[in-house]
């Protein structure tokens, strides 16, 4: 679980798969899959909001650290 209890949540309809969020992540916990960004290592996320802040289409927001379904940044 993250220190602040929030993880990035993806709005797949807004994501352009540019990869900016993956590049800016300071802990390298995000990866880019064909379906968009996801968190292969959610426990490494420090809830810094960098991914959400850099997203040019506001496709990422921060939400509950509970497991997410497909279409979120937590599942490929």
Foldseek 3Di string as FASTA:
>chain_A
DAPVQKDKWFQLVQDPQPCPLCVQQPQNQWDADPSGIAGPPLHSDNPPCPSQVPGPRSRIDIDGNPDDDPRTNHDD
